[in-house]
Amino acid sequence: MFCFFFFFFCLFPFLLPNYLKLFISLFLFSFSFCFLFTFSFIVLSFSFSVFLFFIPIFLSMSLFPPRP
């Protein structure tokens, strides 16, 4: 998979005319931007849900400590 992307990004543009190069580079830039945006959104939502899940546990542990 990585080799395919490496080939696609590095060697493939040299085989194309200029307008196709421009179009493909714009397309790849927008695709990578969208991918990064969705990935960061997923990670942020996951971390926020974990945070919301653990807040009551920590609060209950701090407010009502377990008796020895």
C-alpha atoms as a PDB file:
ATOM      1  CA  MET A   1       0.000   0.000   0.000  1.00  0.00           C
ATOM      2  CA  PHE A   2       2.718   2.429   0.963  1.00  0.00           C
ATOM      3  CA  CYS A   3       4.774   1.515  -2.097  1.00  0.00           C
ATOM      4  CA  PHE A   4       1.764   2.136  -4.279  1.00  0.00           C
ATOM      5  CA  PHE A   5       1.253   5.587  -2.783  1.00  0.00           C
ATOM      6  CA  PHE A   6       4.933   6.338  -3.044  1.00  0.00           C
ATOM      7  CA  PHE A   7       4.879   5.421  -6.717  1.00  0.00           C
ATOM      8  CA  PHE A   8       1.700   7.386  -7.267  1.00  0.00           C
ATOM      9  CA  PHE A   9       2.922  10.552  -5.582  1.00  0.00           C
ATOM     10  CA  CYS A  10       6.535  10.584  -6.715  1.00  0.00           C
ATOM     11  CA  LEU A  11       6.849   8.892 -10.107  1.00  0.00           C
ATOM     12  CA  PHE A  12       3.416   9.197 -11.644  1.00  0.00           C
ATOM     13  CA  PRO A  13       3.322  13.035 -12.054  1.00  0.00           C
ATOM     14  CA  PHE A  14       6.396  12.988 -14.307  1.00  0.00           C
ATOM     15  CA  LEU A  15       4.521  10.949 -16.902  1.00  0.00           C
ATOM     16  CA  LEU A  16       1.701  13.435 -17.329  1.00  0.00           C
ATOM     17  CA  PRO A  17       1.193  16.770 -19.081  1.00  0.00           C
ATOM     18  CA  ASN A  18       1.013  19.948 -17.067  1.00  0.00           C
ATOM     19  CA  TYR A  19      -2.722  20.533 -16.784  1.00  0.00           C
ATOM     20  CA  LEU A  20      -3.282  16.949 -15.650  1.00  0.00           C
ATOM     21  CA  LYS A  21      -0.509  17.395 -13.122  1.00  0.00           C
ATOM     22  CA  LEU A  22      -2.184  20.489 -11.767  1.00  0.00           C
ATOM     23  CA  PHE A  23      -5.587  18.832 -11.609  1.00  0.00           C
ATOM     24  CA  ILE A  24      -4.267  15.716  -9.873  1.00  0.00           C
ATOM     25  CA  SER A  25      -2.209  17.708  -7.395  1.00  0.00           C
ATOM     26  CA  LEU A  26      -5.240  19.819  -6.490  1.00  0.00           C
ATOM     27  CA  PHE A  27      -7.345  16.716  -6.148  1.00  0.00           C
ATOM     28  CA  LEU A  28      -4.778  14.989  -3.940  1.00  0.00           C
ATOM     29  CA  PHE A  29      -4.342  18.098  -1.834  1.00  0.00           C
ATOM     30  CA  SER A  30      -8.073  18.385  -1.226  1.00  0.00           C
ATOM     31  CA  PHE A  31      -8.337  14.659  -0.561  1.00  0.00           C
ATOM     32  CA  SER A  32      -5.508  14.738   1.968  1.00  0.00           C
ATOM     33  CA  PHE A  33      -6.994  17.831   3.615  1.00  0.00           C
ATOM     34  CA  CYS A  34     -10.389  16.146   3.954  1.00  0.00           C
ATOM     35  CA  PHE A  35      -8.770  12.985   5.221  1.00  0.00           C
ATOM     36  CA  LEU A  36      -6.791  14.898   7.852  1.00  0.00           C
ATOM     37  CA  PHE A  37      -9.863  16.847   8.865  1.00  0.00           C
ATOM     38  CA  THR A  38     -12.016  13.735   9.287  1.00  0.00           C
ATOM     39  CA  PHE A  39      -9.233  11.870  11.079  1.00  0.00           C
ATOM     40  CA  SER A  40      -8.693  14.721  13.544  1.00  0.00           C
ATOM     41  CA  PHE A  41     -12.442  15.031  14.047  1.00  0.00           C
ATOM     42  CA  ILE A  42     -12.744  11.311  14.815  1.00  0.00           C
ATOM     43  CA  VAL A  43      -9.817  11.428  17.222  1.00  0.00           C
ATOM     44  CA  LEU A  44     -11.171  14.503  18.967  1.00  0.00           C
ATOM     45  CA  SER A  45     -14.643  13.056  19.336  1.00  0.00           C
ATOM     46  CA  PHE A  46     -13.235   9.796  20.656  1.00  0.00           C
ATOM     47  CA  SER A  47     -11.041  11.562  23.201  1.00  0.00           C
ATOM     48  CA  PHE A  48     -13.939  13.788  24.228  1.00  0.00           C
ATOM     49  CA  SER A  49     -16.200  10.780  24.768  1.00  0.00           C
ATOM     50  CA  VAL A  50     -13.513   9.049  26.830  1.00  0.00           C
ATOM     51  CA  PHE A  51     -13.076  12.253  28.800  1.00  0.00           C
ATOM     52  CA  LEU A  52     -16.818  12.464  29.460  1.00  0.00           C
ATOM     53  CA  PHE A  53     -16.880   8.825  30.438  1.00  0.00           C
ATOM     54  CA  PHE A  54     -14.066   9.164  32.968  1.00  0.00           C
ATOM     55  CA  ILE A  55     -15.076  12.468  34.565  1.00  0.00           C
ATOM     56  CA  PRO A  56     -17.867  10.982  36.771  1.00  0.00           C
ATOM     57  CA  ILE A  57     -15.618   8.121  37.838  1.00  0.00           C
ATOM     58  CA  PHE A  58     -12.854  10.459  38.939  1.00  0.00           C
ATOM     59  CA  LEU A  59     -15.323  12.805  40.569  1.00  0.00           C
ATOM     60  CA  SER A  60     -16.941  10.005  42.529  1.00  0.00           C
ATOM     61  CA  MET A  61     -13.548   8.677  43.563  1.00  0.00           C
ATOM     62  CA  SER A  62     -12.445  12.095  44.756  1.00  0.00           C
ATOM     63  CA  LEU A  63     -15.713  13.000  46.483  1.00  0.00           C
ATOM     64  CA  PHE A  64     -16.345   9.589  48.028  1.00  0.00           C
ATOM     65  CA  PRO A  65     -12.993   7.914  48.607  1.00  0.00           C
ATOM     66  CA  PRO A  66     -13.096   4.181  49.267  1.00  0.00           C
ATOM     67  CA  ARG A  67     -13.053   3.321  52.918  1.00  0.00           C
ATOM     68  CA  PRO A  68     -10.160   1.229  54.178  1.00  0.00           C
END
